[in-house]
């Protein structure tokens, strides 16, 4: 049969159907059927928005829309329905409207086991220094990070002596006090005095020898609540200069607030008529590897294409059969406890840099392992400066509007 008998949109991999002179075997599968074609993706999204004005009973009585095309289904997510089944637009809209307002954050009854494997001093481009900590855990196979500013916050698991390790082993993995320098031989003492004299005592420590006579590492408890930011990885916003979100700007702002001298921060804040939180007790950025609010980079890029087709950030995730926000924060809570910021070691609590009120409860944990004493809002730089600085794009404005209206964020 000639391909000219096929519609222009037919796939070349489909078998040719009988021509019009031959009765169709089944009108439901005939390409020449007069049955109306399923609504397009645009119509489904428009239908979601149109149903917003309907009551719950009216919306639930509507006919289900056809299934989401297989190409939009995430290979790493098991949908609540059988793939290829019907997708109820009213139910989808209800999820979009009630995602953050009615669904409590997912709390873990038992925190994951975390261990700091290595830390290193990182001099930054603004002149400040921070210590980058790399963690492993028993929940996933990802390498999560803690960016620590100041000298009062230390990892308990990092400081623990490991069987058979030498002083050099400890210094190489970052389990040392003070600063490293050529010729240093002890992880516990900074040998800068006369040969064999450390802290006024005679010591004969060898960097290649086993760790012996282990002193207790002094945990310098902060004298006030330190600043904490729980930040989820965003390759597009942090590395690819994306103006679809403000993730990169938030990461930079958190580091600025934690690292710069208070005199500098106060001077800048006075020009914008805004208060500035104290960083006297240092700060921590917990950097979680949960790209795209937990759906991964590939699915996130699909969501971007759906946004260009007219969806917002929440609708796009739902059309891909993902939750609006698939992140969890049990690992962040466990890492904060390991850094001595849990209730067992820090009576001052923490001040959390976030616009997401649900994150406050999630970080505290099911058993209140961490106490958030204050939520510090992260106002977009463009909003603070009247558009003179920061990200200015229609995409980021729509992103922020959706976060406020559908995810309950408070940018104030």
Protein backbone atom coordinates (compact mmCIF):
# COMPACT_ATOMS: atom_id res chain seq x y z
CA UNK A 1 0.00 0.00 0.00
CA UNK A 2 1.30 3.44 -0.87
CA UNK A 3 2.34 5.71 1.99
CA UNK A 4 0.26 8.43 0.36
CA UNK A 5 -2.80 6.79 1.89
CA UNK A 6 -1.47 7.53 5.37
CA UNK A 7 -2.12 10.84 7.15
CA UNK A 8 0.83 13.22 7.25
CA UNK A 9 1.23 12.72 11.01
CA UNK A 10 1.32 8.92 10.91
CA UNK A 11 4.49 7.23 12.15
CA UNK A 12 6.49 5.38 9.44
CA UNK A 13 6.75 2.49 11.90
CA UNK A 14 2.98 1.97 11.98
CA UNK A 15 1.56 -0.72 9.71
CA UNK A 16 -0.51 0.66 6.85
CA UNK A 17 -4.27 0.54 7.40
CA UNK A 18 -6.84 -0.56 4.80
CA UNK A 19 -7.84 2.11 2.28
CA UNK A 20 -11.27 3.67 2.22
CA UNK A 21 -12.58 1.07 -0.23
CA UNK A 22 -12.07 -1.67 2.35
CA UNK A 23 -14.36 -1.69 5.40
CA UNK A 24 -12.46 -0.94 8.57
CA UNK A 25 -12.18 -3.86 10.94
CA UNK A 26 -12.51 -1.69 14.01
CA UNK A 27 -13.53 1.94 13.82
CA UNK A 28 -11.78 2.62 17.13
CA UNK A 29 -8.35 1.88 15.72
CA UNK A 30 -8.87 2.96 12.13
CA UNK A 31 -6.80 5.95 11.06
CA UNK A 32 -9.74 7.02 8.92
CA UNK A 33 -12.13 6.97 11.85
CA UNK A 34 -14.28 10.04 12.29
CA UNK A 35 -13.93 9.75 16.07
CA UNK A 36 -12.59 12.95 17.61
CA UNK A 37 -8.87 12.97 18.39
CA UNK A 38 -7.77 13.12 22.06
CA UNK A 39 -7.21 16.61 23.43
CA UNK A 40 -3.69 17.96 22.98
CA UNK A 41 -1.29 18.69 25.85
CA UNK A 42 -2.21 22.36 25.56
CA UNK A 43 -5.89 21.50 25.97
CA UNK A 44 -5.18 19.36 29.03
CA UNK A 45 -3.29 22.18 30.72
CA UNK A 46 -5.99 24.69 29.76
CA UNK A 47 -8.59 22.27 31.12
CA UNK A 48 -6.71 22.12 34.44
CA UNK A 49 -6.82 25.89 34.73
CA UNK A 50 -10.43 26.13 33.53
CA UNK A 51 -11.58 23.69 36.20
CA UNK A 52 -10.06 25.88 38.94
CA UNK A 53 -13.37 27.78 39.19
CA UNK A 54 -15.45 24.63 39.54
CA UNK A 55 -16.50 23.21 42.87
CA UNK A 56 -15.02 19.95 44.07
CA UNK A 57 -18.13 17.97 43.20
CA UNK A 58 -18.42 19.45 39.74
CA UNK A 59 -14.77 18.91 39.00
CA UNK A 60 -14.82 15.31 40.13
CA UNK A 61 -17.76 14.53 37.84
CA UNK A 62 -15.91 15.59 34.67
CA UNK A 63 -14.74 12.96 32.19
CA UNK A 64 -11.12 11.97 32.71
CA UNK A 65 -8.67 13.30 30.18
CA UNK A 66 -6.61 10.92 28.07
CA UNK A 67 -3.35 9.57 29.37
CA UNK A 68 -0.13 11.56 29.45
CA UNK A 69 2.01 10.61 26.41
CA UNK A 70 4.55 7.88 27.32
CA UNK A 71 7.41 10.22 26.43
CA UNK A 72 6.47 12.41 29.39
CA UNK A 73 6.54 9.58 31.93
CA UNK A 74 9.52 9.45 34.26
CA UNK A 75 11.41 6.14 34.01
CA UNK A 76 12.48 6.49 37.64
CA UNK A 77 9.08 7.14 39.17
CA UNK A 78 6.32 4.60 39.71
CA UNK A 79 3.04 6.40 39.00
CA UNK A 80 0.02 5.83 41.26
CA UNK A 81 -1.86 4.46 38.25
CA UNK A 82 -0.89 1.99 35.58
CA UNK A 83 1.07 3.80 32.84
CA UNK A 84 -1.31 4.51 29.99
CA UNK A 85 -4.30 4.84 32.29
CA UNK A 86 -6.49 7.92 32.47
CA UNK A 87 -5.34 11.14 34.12
CA UNK A 88 -8.03 13.02 36.00
CA UNK A 89 -7.47 16.72 35.44
CA UNK A 90 -9.53 17.72 38.47
CA UNK A 91 -7.44 15.52 40.72
CA UNK A 92 -4.27 16.96 39.19
CA UNK A 93 -5.48 20.49 39.83
CA UNK A 94 -6.40 19.62 43.40
CA UNK A 95 -2.86 18.30 43.95
CA UNK A 96 -1.40 21.48 42.50
CA UNK A 97 -3.46 23.70 44.79
CA UNK A 98 -2.98 21.71 47.98
CA UNK A 99 0.56 20.38 47.64
CA UNK A 100 2.23 22.46 50.33
CA UNK A 101 -0.75 23.79 52.23
CA UNK A 102 -2.32 20.49 53.29
CA UNK A 103 0.45 17.89 52.94
CA UNK A 104 2.78 17.91 55.96
CA UNK A 105 6.52 17.49 55.40
CA UNK A 106 7.77 13.91 55.39
CA UNK A 107 9.54 13.28 58.69
CA UNK A 108 11.74 10.28 59.48
CA UNK A 109 11.12 8.56 62.81
CA UNK A 110 14.79 7.57 62.87
CA UNK A 111 17.50 9.76 61.37
CA UNK A 112 19.88 8.24 58.79
CA UNK A 113 23.43 7.34 59.78
CA UNK A 114 25.81 9.92 58.37
CA UNK A 115 29.61 10.12 58.45
CA UNK A 116 31.91 12.94 57.39
CA UNK A 117 34.58 11.32 55.20
CA UNK A 118 36.80 14.31 54.52
CA UNK A 119 36.96 18.09 54.91
CA UNK A 120 39.24 20.68 53.37
CA UNK A 121 39.88 24.40 53.78
CA UNK A 122 38.57 26.43 50.84
CA UNK A 123 39.72 30.04 50.39
CA UNK A 124 36.95 31.93 48.59
CA UNK A 125 36.96 34.67 45.99
CA UNK A 126 35.64 37.25 48.49
CA UNK A 127 38.59 36.67 50.83
CA UNK A 128 36.76 34.54 53.38
CA UNK A 129 37.53 30.90 54.17
CA UNK A 130 35.25 27.95 54.67
CA UNK A 131 35.61 24.23 55.30
CA UNK A 132 33.98 21.88 52.82
CA UNK A 133 32.78 18.62 54.43
CA UNK A 134 31.83 15.58 52.35
CA UNK A 135 29.34 13.13 53.87
CA UNK A 136 28.23 9.61 53.09
CA UNK A 137 25.12 7.95 54.53
CA UNK A 138 23.13 4.74 54.67
CA UNK A 139 20.15 6.11 52.73
CA UNK A 140 21.49 6.80 49.23
CA UNK A 141 24.76 6.60 47.32
CA UNK A 142 25.14 10.36 46.83
CA UNK A 143 27.84 12.60 48.27
CA UNK A 144 26.13 15.36 50.24
CA UNK A 145 28.07 18.37 51.48
CA UNK A 146 28.30 20.73 54.43
CA UNK A 147 29.89 24.14 53.83
CA UNK A 148 31.03 25.42 57.23
CA UNK A 149 32.01 29.02 57.99
CA UNK A 150 33.80 29.87 61.22
CA UNK A 151 35.88 27.83 63.68
CA UNK A 152 33.23 26.88 66.22
CA UNK A 153 31.49 24.12 64.28
CA UNK A 154 33.13 20.67 63.98
CA UNK A 155 32.03 17.25 62.78
CA UNK A 156 31.90 14.56 65.45
CA UNK A 157 32.25 11.68 63.01
CA UNK A 158 35.24 13.31 61.32
CA UNK A 159 37.11 13.80 64.62
CA UNK A 160 36.68 10.17 65.70
CA UNK A 161 39.88 8.13 65.54
CA UNK A 162 39.70 5.36 62.97
CA UNK A 163 41.41 2.01 63.52
CA UNK A 164 45.01 1.86 62.35
CA UNK A 165 45.26 5.43 61.09
CA UNK A 166 48.34 7.59 61.52
CA UNK A 167 48.59 11.29 62.30
CA UNK A 168 49.24 11.92 58.60
CA UNK A 169 46.10 9.94 57.71
CA UNK A 170 44.09 12.19 60.01
CA UNK A 171 45.52 15.39 58.57
CA UNK A 172 44.95 14.21 55.01
CA UNK A 173 41.26 13.57 55.67
CA UNK A 174 40.92 16.92 57.45
CA UNK A 175 40.58 15.69 61.03
CA UNK A 176 42.87 18.32 62.52
CA UNK A 177 42.60 21.44 64.66
CA UNK A 178 43.99 24.83 63.72
CA UNK A 179 45.64 25.10 60.30
CA UNK A 180 47.88 22.84 58.26
CA UNK A 181 51.36 23.98 57.28
CA UNK A 182 54.54 22.35 55.96
CA UNK A 183 56.24 20.26 58.64
CA UNK A 184 53.20 19.76 60.85
CA UNK A 185 53.19 16.29 62.38
CA UNK A 186 50.20 16.22 64.77
CA UNK A 187 46.50 16.44 63.98
CA UNK A 188 45.74 17.47 67.55
CA UNK A 189 48.32 20.22 68.10
CA UNK A 190 49.64 22.94 65.83
CA UNK A 191 53.40 22.48 66.27
CA UNK A 192 54.62 26.01 65.64
CA UNK A 193 56.96 26.38 68.62
CA UNK A 194 60.46 25.10 69.19
CA UNK A 195 61.32 21.58 68.11
CA UNK A 196 59.68 19.09 70.42
CA UNK A 197 57.77 21.84 72.22
CA UNK A 198 53.99 21.80 71.81
CA UNK A 199 51.80 23.72 74.20
CA UNK A 200 54.68 23.96 76.67
CA UNK A 201 55.12 20.16 76.81
CA UNK A 202 57.74 17.88 75.31
CA UNK A 203 56.21 15.71 72.60
CA UNK A 204 57.78 13.36 70.08
CA UNK A 205 54.94 12.94 67.63
CA UNK A 206 55.58 11.28 64.28
CA UNK A 207 53.25 11.97 61.36
CA UNK A 208 53.75 8.40 60.14
CA UNK A 209 53.27 6.83 63.55
CA UNK A 210 49.98 5.53 64.97
CA UNK A 211 47.65 7.86 66.81
CA UNK A 212 48.27 7.58 70.53
CA UNK A 213 47.42 9.52 73.65
CA UNK A 214 44.34 10.93 71.98
CA UNK A 215 43.14 14.12 73.67
CA UNK A 216 39.49 15.10 73.59
CA UNK A 217 38.61 17.55 70.84
CA UNK A 218 37.12 20.67 72.34
CA UNK A 219 33.70 21.37 70.86
CA UNK A 220 33.39 25.14 70.85
CA UNK A 221 29.70 25.65 71.41
CA UNK A 222 28.32 28.74 69.65
CA UNK A 223 27.29 31.59 71.93
CA UNK A 224 24.20 32.27 69.82
CA UNK A 225 22.15 30.51 67.17
CA UNK A 226 24.29 30.07 64.03
CA UNK A 227 22.95 30.70 60.53
CA UNK A 228 21.95 27.61 58.56
CA UNK A 229 20.86 27.21 54.96
CA UNK A 230 19.51 23.89 53.62
CA UNK A 231 20.20 24.10 49.90
CA UNK A 232 19.23 21.58 47.24
CA UNK A 233 21.49 21.18 44.24
CA UNK A 234 20.50 23.23 41.18
CA UNK A 235 22.88 22.77 38.27
CA UNK A 236 20.96 25.11 36.00
CA UNK A 237 20.74 27.96 38.50
CA UNK A 238 24.23 27.61 40.00
CA UNK A 239 26.31 26.64 36.97
CA UNK A 240 24.34 27.29 33.76
CA UNK A 241 23.33 30.89 34.67
CA UNK A 242 19.61 30.07 34.49
CA UNK A 243 17.13 32.89 35.07
CA UNK A 244 14.28 30.42 35.60
CA UNK A 245 14.89 30.30 39.36
CA UNK A 246 16.73 32.13 42.14
CA UNK A 247 18.63 29.10 43.49
CA UNK A 248 22.07 30.37 42.53
CA UNK A 249 21.33 33.76 44.02
CA UNK A 250 20.15 32.19 47.28
CA UNK A 251 23.32 30.09 47.56
CA UNK A 252 25.50 33.16 47.01
CA UNK A 253 23.49 35.23 49.48
CA UNK A 254 23.70 32.56 52.18
CA UNK A 255 27.49 32.36 51.79
CA UNK A 256 27.73 36.17 51.87
CA UNK A 257 25.73 36.45 55.09
CA UNK A 258 27.83 33.75 56.76
CA UNK A 259 31.29 34.85 55.66
CA UNK A 260 31.60 38.62 55.32
CA UNK A 261 32.54 40.83 58.29
CA UNK A 262 29.55 42.23 60.15
CA UNK A 263 30.74 45.79 59.44
CA UNK A 264 30.49 45.16 55.70
CA UNK A 265 27.12 43.43 55.97
CA UNK A 266 25.70 46.19 58.16
CA UNK A 267 26.82 48.91 55.76
CA UNK A 268 25.20 47.20 52.78
CA UNK A 269 22.01 46.44 54.73
CA UNK A 270 21.67 50.06 55.83
CA UNK A 271 21.59 51.16 52.20
CA UNK A 272 18.65 48.81 51.58
CA UNK A 273 16.96 49.58 54.91
CA UNK A 274 17.03 45.92 55.90
CA UNK A 275 18.16 44.14 59.08
CA UNK A 276 21.16 41.82 58.86
CA UNK A 277 21.49 38.61 60.94
CA UNK A 278 24.64 38.22 63.02
CA UNK A 279 27.18 35.62 61.87
CA UNK A 280 29.29 35.73 65.03
CA UNK A 281 28.65 32.01 65.60
CA UNK A 282 29.48 31.05 62.04
CA UNK A 283 27.20 29.30 59.64
CA UNK A 284 26.51 26.10 57.74
CA UNK A 285 25.16 25.47 54.26
CA UNK A 286 23.91 21.88 53.96
CA UNK A 287 24.14 21.10 50.25
CA UNK A 288 21.87 18.18 49.36
CA UNK A 289 22.18 16.39 46.02
CA UNK A 290 18.46 16.39 45.19
CA UNK A 291 18.32 18.22 41.87
CA UNK A 292 15.04 19.61 40.58
CA UNK A 293 13.21 19.39 43.92
CA UNK A 294 14.11 15.72 44.00
CA UNK A 295 13.22 14.58 40.45
CA UNK A 296 16.69 14.73 38.88
CA UNK A 297 18.22 16.87 36.15
CA UNK A 298 16.75 14.99 33.20
CA UNK A 299 13.18 15.24 34.47
CA UNK A 300 13.79 18.86 35.46
CA UNK A 301 14.73 19.72 31.87
CA UNK A 302 11.52 18.05 30.68
CA UNK A 303 9.66 20.21 33.17
CA UNK A 304 11.34 23.30 31.70
CA UNK A 305 9.97 22.37 28.28
CA UNK A 306 6.50 21.97 29.76
CA UNK A 307 6.88 25.40 31.32
CA UNK A 308 7.65 26.84 27.88
CA UNK A 309 4.46 25.12 26.71
CA UNK A 310 2.46 27.01 29.33
CA UNK A 311 2.69 25.07 32.62
CA UNK A 312 4.03 26.51 35.84
CA UNK A 313 6.70 24.75 37.92
CA UNK A 314 4.14 22.79 39.95
CA UNK A 315 1.95 21.74 37.01
CA UNK A 316 5.01 20.59 35.06
CA UNK A 317 6.10 18.20 37.84
CA UNK A 318 2.60 16.78 38.12
CA UNK A 319 2.28 16.27 34.38
CA UNK A 320 5.49 14.24 34.56
CA UNK A 321 3.86 12.13 37.31
CA UNK A 322 6.16 13.55 40.00
CA UNK A 323 5.18 15.25 43.25
CA UNK A 324 5.35 19.04 43.19
CA UNK A 325 8.19 18.70 45.70
CA UNK A 326 9.89 15.31 46.12
CA UNK A 327 12.63 16.44 48.50
CA UNK A 328 13.25 15.14 52.02
CA UNK A 329 15.40 16.61 54.77
CA UNK A 330 16.24 13.76 57.16
CA UNK A 331 19.83 13.72 55.91
CA UNK A 332 20.16 17.46 56.56
CA UNK A 333 18.94 17.02 60.13
CA UNK A 334 21.39 14.17 60.74
CA UNK A 335 24.27 16.23 59.32
CA UNK A 336 23.40 19.18 61.57
CA UNK A 337 23.39 16.88 64.60
CA UNK A 338 26.81 15.52 63.57
CA UNK A 339 28.07 19.11 63.35
CA UNK A 340 27.03 19.74 66.95
CA UNK A 341 23.97 21.83 66.14
CA UNK A 342 21.39 19.43 67.58
CA UNK A 343 19.59 19.96 70.87
CA UNK A 344 22.01 17.61 72.64
CA UNK A 345 24.96 19.98 72.09
CA UNK A 346 23.53 23.37 71.12
CA UNK A 347 21.06 25.08 73.44
CA UNK A 348 20.77 28.15 71.21
CA UNK A 349 19.11 26.43 68.26
CA UNK A 350 19.65 27.62 64.70
CA UNK A 351 18.44 30.46 62.50
CA UNK A 352 17.25 28.98 59.23
CA UNK A 353 17.62 30.94 55.99
CA UNK A 354 14.51 29.91 54.05
CA UNK A 355 11.26 31.14 52.54
CA UNK A 356 9.64 27.71 52.92
CA UNK A 357 7.76 27.31 56.22
CA UNK A 358 7.43 23.55 55.69
CA UNK A 359 11.21 23.27 55.65
CA UNK A 360 11.34 24.65 59.20
CA UNK A 361 9.32 21.74 60.56
CA UNK A 362 11.07 19.19 58.35
CA UNK A 363 14.55 20.22 59.50
CA UNK A 364 13.61 19.97 63.17
CA UNK A 365 12.91 16.26 62.68
CA UNK A 366 10.24 14.00 64.08
CA UNK A 367 11.79 14.06 67.55
CA UNK A 368 12.90 17.71 67.47
CA UNK A 369 16.54 16.74 67.11
CA UNK A 370 17.22 20.30 65.92
CA UNK A 371 15.45 23.46 67.07
CA UNK A 372 14.84 26.34 64.65
CA UNK A 373 14.74 29.46 66.80
CA UNK A 374 14.18 31.86 63.90
CA UNK A 375 13.30 31.80 60.22
CA UNK A 376 15.32 34.36 58.23
CA UNK A 377 13.62 35.28 54.95
CA UNK A 378 15.61 35.38 51.72
CA UNK A 379 14.14 38.28 49.74
CA UNK A 380 15.13 38.24 46.05
CA UNK A 381 17.85 40.77 45.31
CA UNK A 382 15.85 42.31 42.48
CA UNK A 383 12.95 42.94 44.85
CA UNK A 384 15.22 44.55 47.42
CA UNK A 385 16.92 46.85 44.94
CA UNK A 386 14.01 47.73 42.69
CA UNK A 387 15.46 45.69 39.83
CA UNK A 388 18.89 47.36 39.89
CA UNK A 389 20.56 44.09 40.97
CA UNK A 390 19.71 40.42 40.95
CA UNK A 391 17.76 38.28 38.47
CA UNK A 392 15.14 40.03 36.35
CA UNK A 393 13.20 37.79 33.97
CA UNK A 394 9.61 36.82 33.30
CA UNK A 395 10.53 33.22 34.11
CA UNK A 396 11.84 33.90 37.61
CA UNK A 397 8.87 36.16 38.36
CA UNK A 398 6.47 33.38 37.40
CA UNK A 399 8.53 30.89 39.41
CA UNK A 400 8.36 33.05 42.54
CA UNK A 401 4.62 33.70 42.10
CA UNK A 402 3.97 29.95 41.90
CA UNK A 403 6.10 29.27 44.98
CA UNK A 404 4.06 31.81 46.93
CA UNK A 405 0.58 30.91 45.63
CA UNK A 406 0.86 27.12 45.32
CA UNK A 407 3.69 26.09 47.66
CA UNK A 408 3.06 28.46 50.56
CA UNK A 409 6.41 30.26 50.51
CA UNK A 410 6.71 33.46 52.51
CA UNK A 411 9.16 35.92 50.96
CA UNK A 412 9.17 38.44 53.77
